[in-house]
Amino acid sequence: MSKEISYDDFENVDIRVGTIVRAEDFPEARKPAIKVWIDFGPDIGTKKTSAQITRHYTTDTLINMQVAAVVNFPPRQIGKFMSEVLMLGFPDNDGEVVLIRPDKAVPAGEKLC
């Protein structure tokens, strides 16, 4: 079991839904990865990230997909690419990431409640 946190701790993690508007292969990455641009609506805008999700997703299948992401981490340099958000997922039986996404369309930028 993980360390217990307070509700205030949880409130500090800003998890939003966004729509993937662009995806590119990331051949410079040490492990196979994809560069992703996610539109979080007018208040947050489009943010970019990279993710090691090539087992289950391609650049084509990601376009227009809604995903959950943490939007309030500081930017992180990944090689020559600046990652601005963290897409969320769970590992499958082989440890490969399966993205968290709503099962119905929701407005871009909505906060997890």
C-alpha atoms as a PDB file:
ATOM      1  CA  MET A   1       0.000   0.000   0.000  1.00  0.00           C
ATOM      2  CA  SER A   2       1.220   3.505  -0.732  1.00  0.00           C
ATOM      3  CA  LYS A   3       1.681   6.382   1.669  1.00  0.00           C
ATOM      4  CA  GLU A   4      -1.567   7.978   2.838  1.00  0.00           C
ATOM      5  CA  ILE A   5      -2.173  11.551   1.656  1.00  0.00           C
ATOM      6  CA  SER A   6      -4.656  14.198   2.651  1.00  0.00           C
ATOM      7  CA  TYR A   7      -7.500  15.436   0.491  1.00  0.00           C
ATOM      8  CA  ASP A   8      -5.596  18.727   0.191  1.00  0.00           C
ATOM      9  CA  ASP A   9      -2.634  16.800  -1.263  1.00  0.00           C
ATOM     10  CA  PHE A  10      -4.939  15.273  -3.878  1.00  0.00           C
ATOM     11  CA  GLU A  11      -6.449  18.680  -4.661  1.00  0.00           C
ATOM     12  CA  ASN A  12      -2.952  19.927  -5.548  1.00  0.00           C
ATOM     13  CA  VAL A  13      -2.670  17.420  -8.407  1.00  0.00           C
ATOM     14  CA  ASP A  14      -4.380  19.045 -11.389  1.00  0.00           C
ATOM     15  CA  ILE A  15      -5.640  16.180 -13.588  1.00  0.00           C
ATOM     16  CA  ARG A  16      -7.431  17.320 -16.737  1.00  0.00           C
ATOM     17  CA  VAL A  17      -8.851  15.753 -19.856  1.00  0.00           C
ATOM     18  CA  GLY A  18      -7.495  16.816 -23.212  1.00  0.00           C
ATOM     19  CA  THR A  19      -7.718  15.800 -26.855  1.00  0.00           C
ATOM     20  CA  ILE A  20      -4.625  14.679 -28.719  1.00  0.00           C
ATOM     21  CA  VAL A  21      -4.240  16.929 -31.761  1.00  0.00           C
ATOM     22  CA  ARG A  22      -0.780  15.895 -32.969  1.00  0.00           C
ATOM     23  CA  ALA A  23       1.496  12.882 -32.544  1.00  0.00           C
ATOM     24  CA  GLU A  24       4.951  12.152 -33.933  1.00  0.00           C
ATOM     25  CA  ASP A  25       7.456   9.351 -33.592  1.00  0.00           C
ATOM     26  CA  PHE A  26      10.324  10.180 -31.218  1.00  0.00           C
ATOM     27  CA  PRO A  27      13.295   8.313 -32.734  1.00  0.00           C
ATOM     28  CA  GLU A  28      15.827  10.210 -30.560  1.00  0.00           C
ATOM     29  CA  ALA A  29      14.380   8.745 -27.356  1.00  0.00           C
ATOM     30  CA  ARG A  30      16.369   6.009 -25.579  1.00  0.00           C
ATOM     31  CA  LYS A  31      13.281   3.754 -25.477  1.00  0.00           C
ATOM     32  CA  PRO A  32      10.584   3.756 -28.187  1.00  0.00           C
ATOM     33  CA  ALA A  33       8.322   6.750 -27.573  1.00  0.00           C
ATOM     34  CA  ILE A  34       5.851   9.118 -29.199  1.00  0.00           C
ATOM     35  CA  LYS A  35       5.719  12.927 -28.966  1.00  0.00           C
ATOM     36  CA  VAL A  36       2.157  14.065 -28.264  1.00  0.00           C
ATOM     37  CA  TRP A  37       0.422  17.466 -28.318  1.00  0.00           C
ATOM     38  CA  ILE A  38      -2.774  17.641 -26.241  1.00  0.00           C
ATOM     39  CA  ASP A  39      -5.429  20.375 -26.426  1.00  0.00           C
ATOM     40  CA  PHE A  40      -6.782  21.169 -22.950  1.00  0.00           C
ATOM     41  CA  GLY A  41      -9.180  23.886 -24.114  1.00  0.00           C
ATOM     42  CA  PRO A  42      -8.946  27.685 -24.072  1.00  0.00           C
ATOM     43  CA  ASP A  43      -7.895  28.123 -20.420  1.00  0.00           C
ATOM     44  CA  ILE A  44      -4.838  25.834 -20.580  1.00  0.00           C
ATOM     45  CA  GLY A  45      -4.184  25.538 -24.317  1.00  0.00           C
ATOM     46  CA  THR A  46      -2.150  22.892 -26.099  1.00  0.00           C
ATOM     47  CA  LYS A  47       0.633  21.194 -24.145  1.00  0.00           C
ATOM     48  CA  LYS A  48       3.175  18.617 -25.268  1.00  0.00           C
ATOM     49  CA  THR A  49       4.625  15.479 -23.760  1.00  0.00           C
ATOM     50  CA  SER A  50       6.378  12.287 -24.747  1.00  0.00           C
ATOM     51  CA  ALA A  51       5.333   8.809 -23.723  1.00  0.00           C
ATOM     52  CA  GLN A  52       6.581   5.241 -24.045  1.00  0.00           C
ATOM     53  CA  ILE A  53       3.258   3.951 -25.385  1.00  0.00           C
ATOM     54  CA  THR A  54       4.299   2.387 -28.702  1.00  0.00           C
ATOM     55  CA  ARG A  55       3.103  -1.132 -27.842  1.00  0.00           C
ATOM     56  CA  HIS A  56      -0.600  -0.188 -27.844  1.00  0.00           C
ATOM     57  CA  TYR A  57      -0.705   3.093 -29.786  1.00  0.00           C
ATOM     58  CA  THR A  58       0.538   4.614 -33.039  1.00  0.00           C
ATOM     59  CA  THR A  59       0.742   8.234 -34.065  1.00  0.00           C
ATOM     60  CA  ASP A  60      -2.388   7.726 -36.194  1.00  0.00           C
ATOM     61  CA  THR A  61      -4.510   6.011 -33.524  1.00  0.00           C
ATOM     62  CA  LEU A  62      -3.751   8.725 -30.960  1.00  0.00           C
ATOM     63  CA  ILE A  63      -5.178  11.631 -32.988  1.00  0.00           C
ATOM     64  CA  ASN A  64      -8.519  12.869 -31.541  1.00  0.00           C
ATOM     65  CA  MET A  65      -8.219  10.548 -28.536  1.00  0.00           C
ATOM     66  CA  GLN A  66      -9.165  12.082 -25.195  1.00  0.00           C
ATOM     67  CA  VAL A  67      -6.721  11.336 -22.380  1.00  0.00           C
ATOM     68  CA  ALA A  68      -6.157  12.227 -18.734  1.00  0.00           C
ATOM     69  CA  ALA A  69      -3.012  14.129 -17.804  1.00  0.00           C
ATOM     70  CA  VAL A  70      -1.430  15.978 -14.906  1.00  0.00           C
ATOM     71  CA  VAL A  71      -1.067  19.570 -16.110  1.00  0.00           C
ATOM     72  CA  ASN A  72       0.649  21.234 -13.146  1.00  0.00           C
ATOM     73  CA  PHE A  73       4.031  19.482 -13.063  1.00  0.00           C
ATOM     74  CA  PRO A  74       6.997  21.683 -13.971  1.00  0.00           C
ATOM     75  CA  PRO A  75       8.267  21.141 -17.550  1.00  0.00           C
ATOM     76  CA  ARG A  76      10.830  18.344 -17.905  1.00  0.00           C
ATOM     77  CA  GLN A  77      13.517  18.048 -20.544  1.00  0.00           C
ATOM     78  CA  ILE A  78      13.428  14.683 -22.352  1.00  0.00           C
ATOM     79  CA  GLY A  79      16.465  14.754 -24.639  1.00  0.00           C
ATOM     80  CA  LYS A  80      15.873  17.703 -26.981  1.00  0.00           C
ATOM     81  CA  PHE A  81      12.120  17.704 -26.255  1.00  0.00           C
ATOM     82  CA  MET A  82      10.428  19.635 -23.429  1.00  0.00           C
ATOM     83  CA  SER A  83       7.596  17.676 -21.790  1.00  0.00           C
ATOM     84  CA  GLU A  84       4.935  19.946 -20.245  1.00  0.00           C
ATOM     85  CA  VAL A  85       2.354  17.448 -18.928  1.00  0.00           C
ATOM     86  CA  LEU A  86       2.183  13.820 -17.796  1.00  0.00           C
ATOM     87  CA  MET A  87      -0.323  11.549 -19.551  1.00  0.00           C
ATOM     88  CA  LEU A  88      -1.721   8.960 -17.164  1.00  0.00           C
ATOM     89  CA  GLY A  89      -1.989   5.228 -17.677  1.00  0.00           C
ATOM     90  CA  PHE A  90      -1.806   1.812 -16.071  1.00  0.00           C
ATOM     91  CA  PRO A  91       0.568  -1.031 -16.939  1.00  0.00           C
ATOM     92  CA  ASP A  92      -0.890  -4.079 -18.644  1.00  0.00           C
ATOM     93  CA  ASN A  93       0.276  -7.636 -17.820  1.00  0.00           C
ATOM     94  CA  ASP A  94       3.523  -6.988 -19.733  1.00  0.00           C
ATOM     95  CA  GLY A  95       4.176  -3.626 -18.080  1.00  0.00           C
ATOM     96  CA  GLU A  96       3.159  -1.653 -21.194  1.00  0.00           C
ATOM     97  CA  VAL A  97       1.173   1.547 -20.639  1.00  0.00           C
ATOM     98  CA  VAL A  98      -2.565   1.645 -21.309  1.00  0.00           C
ATOM     99  CA  LEU A  99      -3.764   5.253 -21.270  1.00  0.00           C
ATOM    100  CA  ILE A 100      -6.517   6.484 -18.957  1.00  0.00           C
ATOM    101  CA  ARG A 101      -9.311   8.060 -20.980  1.00  0.00           C
ATOM    102  CA  PRO A 102     -12.980   8.844 -20.487  1.00  0.00           C
ATOM    103  CA  ASP A 103     -15.482   6.359 -21.915  1.00  0.00           C
ATOM    104  CA  LYS A 104     -17.670   9.253 -23.115  1.00  0.00           C
ATOM    105  CA  ALA A 105     -16.608  12.572 -24.673  1.00  0.00           C
ATOM    106  CA  VAL A 106     -16.140  15.406 -22.188  1.00  0.00           C
ATOM    107  CA  PRO A 107     -15.146  19.046 -22.736  1.00  0.00           C
ATOM    108  CA  ALA A 108     -11.408  19.610 -23.101  1.00  0.00           C
ATOM    109  CA  GLY A 109      -9.820  20.973 -19.937  1.00  0.00           C
ATOM    110  CA  GLU A 110     -12.328  19.520 -17.484  1.00  0.00           C
ATOM    111  CA  LYS A 111     -10.750  18.702 -14.126  1.00  0.00           C
ATOM    112  CA  LEU A 112     -10.932  15.235 -12.572  1.00  0.00           C
ATOM    113  CA  CYS A 113     -13.447  15.256  -9.742  1.00  0.00           C
END
